[in-house]
Amino acid sequence: MEGKTHYNIRIKGHVQGVGFRWRATREATQYGITGFVKNLSDGSVYIEAEGSGNQLIPFLDWCNRGSEYGYVEDVETTLGDLSGFSEFRIER
């Protein structure tokens, strides 16, 4: 897991019910990022993502734009401890 970073990402806006989790999974897989995405009860989306800087930078850019059917108001990103995820998945 050397050279990897773990981000905890919380995305606020109109991000539930618009395919955001599905699209986040597609984007993460495209960049080789592992982790998960899930809806939170307050209407935001939470992501844990692990990868190299070259993988995470474009993914974070996408998180700030979001899917074409919703909109992003705010993105909070904090560093976390590596978890060693083997894939990127949607959690319920």
Protein backbone atom coordinates (compact mmCIF):
# COMPACT_ATOMS: atom_id res chain seq x y z
CA MET A 1 0.00 0.00 0.00
CA GLU A 2 3.04 2.20 -0.30
CA GLY A 3 2.43 5.48 -2.12
CA LYS A 4 -1.31 5.37 -1.50
CA THR A 5 -3.47 7.94 0.24
CA HIS A 6 -6.84 7.49 1.93
CA TYR A 7 -9.45 10.25 1.70
CA ASN A 8 -12.74 10.56 3.55
CA ILE A 9 -14.97 12.65 1.29
CA ARG A 10 -18.37 14.11 2.12
CA ILE A 11 -20.36 15.64 -0.72
CA LYS A 12 -23.32 17.94 -0.10
CA GLY A 13 -25.89 19.20 -2.58
CA HIS A 14 -28.49 17.43 -4.69
CA VAL A 15 -26.51 14.18 -4.77
CA GLN A 16 -29.04 11.50 -3.82
CA GLY A 17 -31.51 9.98 -6.26
CA VAL A 18 -29.53 11.23 -9.28
CA GLY A 19 -27.19 8.28 -9.94
CA PHE A 20 -24.31 9.84 -8.01
CA ARG A 21 -23.19 6.63 -6.26
CA TRP A 22 -23.31 4.63 -9.49
CA ARG A 23 -21.34 7.29 -11.35
CA ALA A 24 -18.82 7.65 -8.49
CA THR A 25 -18.23 3.90 -8.67
CA ARG A 26 -17.68 4.12 -12.42
CA GLU A 27 -15.27 7.06 -12.06
CA ALA A 28 -13.34 5.41 -9.21
CA THR A 29 -13.01 2.15 -11.14
CA GLN A 30 -11.81 4.06 -14.21
CA TYR A 31 -9.02 5.66 -12.15
CA GLY A 32 -8.10 2.45 -10.28
CA ILE A 33 -9.34 3.75 -6.92
CA THR A 34 -10.57 1.41 -4.19
CA GLY A 35 -13.04 2.13 -1.39
CA PHE A 36 -16.77 2.71 -1.14
CA VAL A 37 -19.58 5.24 -1.54
CA LYS A 38 -22.82 5.48 0.42
CA ASN A 39 -25.75 7.80 1.04
CA LEU A 40 -26.02 9.43 4.46
CA SER A 41 -29.30 10.15 6.23
CA ASP A 42 -28.74 13.93 5.99
CA GLY A 43 -28.88 13.83 2.17
CA SER A 44 -25.13 13.92 1.59
CA VAL A 45 -22.91 11.23 0.08
CA TYR A 46 -19.88 9.77 1.87
CA ILE A 47 -16.90 8.25 0.07
CA GLU A 48 -13.77 6.55 1.32
CA ALA A 49 -11.23 6.41 -1.49
CA GLU A 50 -7.70 5.02 -1.67
CA GLY A 51 -5.19 5.46 -4.45
CA SER A 52 -2.14 7.35 -5.59
CA GLY A 53 -2.14 11.10 -6.10
CA ASN A 54 -2.38 10.60 -9.86
CA GLN A 55 -5.54 8.57 -9.33
CA LEU A 56 -7.16 10.66 -6.60
CA ILE A 57 -6.69 14.15 -8.07
CA PRO A 58 -8.95 13.60 -11.12
CA PHE A 59 -11.44 11.68 -8.95
CA LEU A 60 -11.66 14.60 -6.50
CA ASP A 61 -12.14 16.95 -9.44
CA TRP A 62 -15.08 14.80 -10.54
CA CYS A 63 -16.49 14.80 -6.97
CA ASN A 64 -16.55 18.61 -7.09
CA ARG A 65 -18.52 18.54 -10.37
CA GLY A 66 -20.76 15.54 -9.66
CA SER A 67 -23.17 13.80 -11.99
CA GLU A 68 -25.03 15.64 -14.72
CA TYR A 69 -28.42 15.12 -13.01
CA GLY A 70 -27.63 16.71 -9.66
CA TYR A 71 -25.39 19.42 -8.31
CA VAL A 72 -22.61 19.69 -5.74
CA GLU A 73 -22.69 22.50 -3.17
CA ASP A 74 -19.74 21.51 -0.99
CA VAL A 75 -17.05 18.84 -0.74
CA GLU A 76 -15.25 18.13 2.54
CA THR A 77 -12.08 16.06 2.24
CA THR A 78 -9.97 14.74 5.10
CA LEU A 79 -7.07 12.33 5.22
CA GLY A 80 -7.68 8.94 6.81
CA ASP A 81 -5.82 5.75 7.63
CA LEU A 82 -5.32 3.25 4.83
CA SER A 83 -7.83 0.39 4.93
CA GLY A 84 -6.49 -1.75 2.07
CA PHE A 85 -9.75 -1.96 0.12
CA SER A 86 -9.67 -4.48 -2.74
CA GLU A 87 -12.35 -2.82 -4.91
CA PHE A 88 -14.67 0.16 -5.08
CA ARG A 89 -18.28 -0.58 -4.18
CA ILE A 90 -21.62 0.95 -3.27
CA GLU A 91 -22.61 0.43 0.36
CA ARG A 92 -26.20 0.59 1.54
